[in-house]
Amino acid sequence: MIPALIPDTEKERLDALYRYEILDTQAEPSFDQLPLLATYICKTPIALISLLDRDRQWFKSIIEPRLTQTARDITFCADCILQNVIKIS
């Protein structure tokens, strides 16, 4: 697999992410509402809210499977950051 590219604005993006102090926080029902709605609208069993840290993709909310994170270099989220788009697949 080709490793994900790092955007030129990576430092600023990570600084903004860390200011929210949300990484590794507990699950919150309010965050689960959006993935639940996505599973309904898209008719899919899996939906999630993920945040891309320096070396990992961390899941704030995930509707099946019950994962908490994946390695950053295997995620398509890095491509979304480079293209500045929201990805639905």
C-alpha atoms as a PDB file:
ATOM      1  CA  MET A   1       0.000   0.000   0.000  1.00  0.00           C
ATOM      2  CA  ILE A   2       1.229   3.493  -0.821  1.00  0.00           C
ATOM      3  CA  PRO A   3       1.711   5.543   2.370  1.00  0.00           C
ATOM      4  CA  ALA A   4      -0.549   8.559   2.795  1.00  0.00           C
ATOM      5  CA  LEU A   5       0.919  11.915   1.826  1.00  0.00           C
ATOM      6  CA  ILE A   6       1.333  14.647   4.433  1.00  0.00           C
ATOM      7  CA  PRO A   7      -0.141  18.080   3.581  1.00  0.00           C
ATOM      8  CA  ASP A   8       1.941  21.259   3.715  1.00  0.00           C
ATOM      9  CA  THR A   9      -0.412  22.551   6.430  1.00  0.00           C
ATOM     10  CA  GLU A  10       0.064  19.511   8.686  1.00  0.00           C
ATOM     11  CA  LYS A  11       1.516  21.432  11.649  1.00  0.00           C
ATOM     12  CA  GLU A  12      -1.354  23.937  11.665  1.00  0.00           C
ATOM     13  CA  ARG A  13      -3.928  21.154  11.279  1.00  0.00           C
ATOM     14  CA  LEU A  14      -2.490  19.177  14.188  1.00  0.00           C
ATOM     15  CA  ASP A  15      -2.235  22.305  16.363  1.00  0.00           C
ATOM     16  CA  ALA A  16      -5.934  22.963  15.739  1.00  0.00           C
ATOM     17  CA  LEU A  17      -6.828  19.341  16.485  1.00  0.00           C
ATOM     18  CA  TYR A  18      -4.899  19.341  19.775  1.00  0.00           C
ATOM     19  CA  ARG A  19      -6.538  22.607  20.904  1.00  0.00           C
ATOM     20  CA  TYR A  20      -9.879  20.754  21.014  1.00  0.00           C
ATOM     21  CA  GLU A  21      -8.462  18.236  23.525  1.00  0.00           C
ATOM     22  CA  ILE A  22     -10.804  15.578  22.150  1.00  0.00           C
ATOM     23  CA  LEU A  23      -8.391  12.744  21.300  1.00  0.00           C
ATOM     24  CA  ASP A  24      -8.747   9.678  23.552  1.00  0.00           C
ATOM     25  CA  THR A  25     -11.826  11.056  25.316  1.00  0.00           C
ATOM     26  CA  GLN A  26     -14.690   8.798  26.359  1.00  0.00           C
ATOM     27  CA  ALA A  27     -17.591   7.987  24.072  1.00  0.00           C
ATOM     28  CA  GLU A  28     -20.369  10.580  24.123  1.00  0.00           C
ATOM     29  CA  PRO A  29     -23.948   9.844  23.018  1.00  0.00           C
ATOM     30  CA  SER A  30     -24.208  13.229  21.290  1.00  0.00           C
ATOM     31  CA  PHE A  31     -21.380  12.266  18.918  1.00  0.00           C
ATOM     32  CA  ASP A  32     -23.069   8.935  18.108  1.00  0.00           C
ATOM     33  CA  GLN A  33     -26.115  10.629  16.596  1.00  0.00           C
ATOM     34  CA  LEU A  34     -24.385  11.628  13.357  1.00  0.00           C
ATOM     35  CA  PRO A  35     -22.978   8.156  12.513  1.00  0.00           C
ATOM     36  CA  LEU A  36     -26.328   6.594  13.408  1.00  0.00           C
ATOM     37  CA  LEU A  37     -28.041   8.965  11.004  1.00  0.00           C
ATOM     38  CA  ALA A  38     -25.424   8.187   8.348  1.00  0.00           C
ATOM     39  CA  THR A  39     -26.045   4.427   8.658  1.00  0.00           C
ATOM     40  CA  TYR A  40     -29.749   5.062   8.169  1.00  0.00           C
ATOM     41  CA  ILE A  41     -29.419   7.456   5.223  1.00  0.00           C
ATOM     42  CA  CYS A  42     -26.682   5.486   3.444  1.00  0.00           C
ATOM     43  CA  LYS A  43     -28.160   2.099   4.321  1.00  0.00           C
ATOM     44  CA  THR A  44     -24.808   0.840   5.574  1.00  0.00           C
ATOM     45  CA  PRO A  45     -23.923  -1.004   8.795  1.00  0.00           C
ATOM     46  CA  ILE A  46     -20.757   1.052   9.389  1.00  0.00           C
ATOM     47  CA  ALA A  47     -20.323   4.785   9.997  1.00  0.00           C
ATOM     48  CA  LEU A  48     -17.890   6.771  12.080  1.00  0.00           C
ATOM     49  CA  ILE A  49     -16.437  10.092  13.122  1.00  0.00           C
ATOM     50  CA  SER A  50     -12.663   9.926  12.891  1.00  0.00           C
ATOM     51  CA  LEU A  51      -9.912  12.377  13.710  1.00  0.00           C
ATOM     52  CA  LEU A  52      -6.514  12.103  12.082  1.00  0.00           C
ATOM     53  CA  ASP A  53      -3.681  12.416  14.596  1.00  0.00           C
ATOM     54  CA  ARG A  54       0.029  12.438  13.693  1.00  0.00           C
ATOM     55  CA  ASP A  55       0.351   8.625  13.444  1.00  0.00           C
ATOM     56  CA  ARG A  56      -3.168   7.272  13.715  1.00  0.00           C
ATOM     57  CA  GLN A  57      -6.792   7.690  12.788  1.00  0.00           C
ATOM     58  CA  TRP A  58      -8.760   7.830  16.058  1.00  0.00           C
ATOM     59  CA  PHE A  59     -12.497   7.165  16.180  1.00  0.00           C
ATOM     60  CA  LYS A  60     -14.583   9.496  18.345  1.00  0.00           C
ATOM     61  CA  SER A  61     -17.701   7.603  17.369  1.00  0.00           C
ATOM     62  CA  ILE A  62     -18.066   4.387  15.413  1.00  0.00           C
ATOM     63  CA  ILE A  63     -21.074   2.271  14.552  1.00  0.00           C
ATOM     64  CA  GLU A  64     -19.654  -1.241  14.020  1.00  0.00           C
ATOM     65  CA  PRO A  65     -17.060  -2.601  14.062  1.00  0.00           C
ATOM     66  CA  ARG A  66     -15.954  -1.624  17.560  1.00  0.00           C
ATOM     67  CA  LEU A  67     -12.483  -0.279  16.817  1.00  0.00           C
ATOM     68  CA  THR A  68     -10.812   2.663  18.503  1.00  0.00           C
ATOM     69  CA  GLN A  69      -8.104   3.535  15.979  1.00  0.00           C
ATOM     70  CA  THR A  70      -6.118   2.471  12.925  1.00  0.00           C
ATOM     71  CA  ALA A  71      -2.657   3.339  11.644  1.00  0.00           C
ATOM     72  CA  ARG A  72      -2.620   6.632   9.772  1.00  0.00           C
ATOM     73  CA  ASP A  73      -0.751   5.294   6.760  1.00  0.00           C
ATOM     74  CA  ILE A  74      -3.596   2.936   5.795  1.00  0.00           C
ATOM     75  CA  THR A  75      -6.462   5.417   5.995  1.00  0.00           C
ATOM     76  CA  PHE A  76      -8.108   7.382   3.202  1.00  0.00           C
ATOM     77  CA  CYS A  77      -8.625  10.324   5.600  1.00  0.00           C
ATOM     78  CA  ALA A  78      -5.161  11.634   4.759  1.00  0.00           C
ATOM     79  CA  ASP A  79      -6.260  11.912   1.129  1.00  0.00           C
ATOM     80  CA  CYS A  80      -9.371  13.835   2.212  1.00  0.00           C
ATOM     81  CA  ILE A  81      -7.200  16.346   4.051  1.00  0.00           C
ATOM     82  CA  LEU A  82      -5.001  16.831   0.995  1.00  0.00           C
ATOM     83  CA  GLN A  83      -8.044  17.331  -1.235  1.00  0.00           C
ATOM     84  CA  ASN A  84     -10.013  19.327   1.386  1.00  0.00           C
ATOM     85  CA  VAL A  85     -13.130  17.183   0.872  1.00  0.00           C
ATOM     86  CA  ILE A  86     -15.578  15.105   2.896  1.00  0.00           C
ATOM     87  CA  LYS A  87     -15.449  11.431   1.922  1.00  0.00           C
ATOM     88  CA  ILE A  88     -18.497   9.189   1.845  1.00  0.00           C
ATOM     89  CA  SER A  89     -17.886   5.713   0.504  1.00  0.00           C
END
